[in-house]
Amino acid sequence: MNDSDLKTANGLKSETKKLVVGFDGSPNSIDALRWALNEAHERNFNLEIIYS
């Protein structure tokens, strides 16, 4: 299932928005992760973390 397959209780399509951030443990990526966590929370987005 993908985001376009999601339906609300009334049968209308619901779009789930997500924010994607990269994380590698570096100081800059820690700052980016903090920013992304706050943004995702404020905007009610899902957060996807890509790590290496």
C-alpha atoms as a PDB file:
ATOM      1  CA  MET A   1       0.000   0.000   0.000  1.00  0.00           C
ATOM      2  CA  ASN A   2       1.253   3.494  -0.738  1.00  0.00           C
ATOM      3  CA  ASP A   3       0.153   6.958   0.367  1.00  0.00           C
ATOM      4  CA  SER A   4      -2.309   7.269  -2.511  1.00  0.00           C
ATOM      5  CA  ASP A   5      -4.152   4.148  -1.286  1.00  0.00           C
ATOM      6  CA  LEU A   6      -5.028   5.607   2.115  1.00  0.00           C
ATOM      7  CA  LYS A   7      -8.702   6.337   2.778  1.00  0.00           C
ATOM      8  CA  THR A   8     -10.427   8.186   5.594  1.00  0.00           C
ATOM      9  CA  ALA A   9     -13.381   6.799   7.543  1.00  0.00           C
ATOM     10  CA  ASN A  10     -15.789   8.509   5.121  1.00  0.00           C
ATOM     11  CA  GLY A  11     -14.121   6.903   2.088  1.00  0.00           C
ATOM     12  CA  LEU A  12     -12.380  10.007   0.773  1.00  0.00           C
ATOM     13  CA  LYS A  13      -8.709   9.869  -0.073  1.00  0.00           C
ATOM     14  CA  SER A  14      -6.442  11.167   2.670  1.00  0.00           C
ATOM     15  CA  GLU A  15      -3.004  12.424   1.708  1.00  0.00           C
ATOM     16  CA  THR A  16      -0.235  11.624   4.165  1.00  0.00           C
ATOM     17  CA  LYS A  17       2.634  14.054   3.900  1.00  0.00           C
ATOM     18  CA  LYS A  18       6.124  13.138   4.944  1.00  0.00           C
ATOM     19  CA  LEU A  19       9.422  14.822   5.495  1.00  0.00           C
ATOM     20  CA  VAL A  20      12.608  12.939   4.640  1.00  0.00           C
ATOM     21  CA  VAL A  21      15.940  13.642   6.349  1.00  0.00           C
ATOM     22  CA  GLY A  22      19.363  12.045   6.005  1.00  0.00           C
ATOM     23  CA  PHE A  23      21.346  11.038   9.092  1.00  0.00           C
ATOM     24  CA  ASP A  24      24.935   9.779   9.330  1.00  0.00           C
ATOM     25  CA  GLY A  25      25.843  10.688  12.913  1.00  0.00           C
ATOM     26  CA  SER A  26      27.792  13.812  11.997  1.00  0.00           C
ATOM     27  CA  PRO A  27      27.139  17.073  13.875  1.00  0.00           C
ATOM     28  CA  ASN A  28      25.420  18.563  10.815  1.00  0.00           C
ATOM     29  CA  SER A  29      23.141  15.567  10.421  1.00  0.00           C
ATOM     30  CA  ILE A  30      22.208  15.741  14.119  1.00  0.00           C
ATOM     31  CA  ASP A  31      21.185  19.372  13.568  1.00  0.00           C
ATOM     32  CA  ALA A  32      19.221  18.358  10.464  1.00  0.00           C
ATOM     33  CA  LEU A  33      17.476  15.589  12.370  1.00  0.00           C
ATOM     34  CA  ARG A  34      16.492  17.979  15.174  1.00  0.00           C
ATOM     35  CA  TRP A  35      15.142  20.446  12.630  1.00  0.00           C
ATOM     36  CA  ALA A  36      13.215  17.713  10.803  1.00  0.00           C
ATOM     37  CA  LEU A  37      11.701  16.378  14.030  1.00  0.00           C
ATOM     38  CA  ASN A  38      10.430  19.829  14.931  1.00  0.00           C
ATOM     39  CA  GLU A  39       9.127  20.551  11.425  1.00  0.00           C
ATOM     40  CA  ALA A  40       7.372  17.202  11.131  1.00  0.00           C
ATOM     41  CA  HIS A  41       5.735  17.728  14.512  1.00  0.00           C
ATOM     42  CA  GLU A  42       4.651  21.312  13.737  1.00  0.00           C
ATOM     43  CA  ARG A  43       3.225  20.359  10.337  1.00  0.00           C
ATOM     44  CA  ASN A  44       1.793  16.994  11.436  1.00  0.00           C
ATOM     45  CA  PHE A  45       3.911  15.175   8.814  1.00  0.00           C
ATOM     46  CA  ASN A  46       5.340  11.696   9.033  1.00  0.00           C
ATOM     47  CA  LEU A  47       9.125  11.655   9.296  1.00  0.00           C
ATOM     48  CA  GLU A  48      11.296   9.264   7.294  1.00  0.00           C
ATOM     49  CA  ILE A  49      14.939   9.060   8.368  1.00  0.00           C
ATOM     50  CA  ILE A  50      17.511   7.803   5.864  1.00  0.00           C
ATOM     51  CA  TYR A  51      20.687   6.703   7.605  1.00  0.00           C
ATOM     52  CA  SER A  52      24.074   5.344   6.708  1.00  0.00           C
END
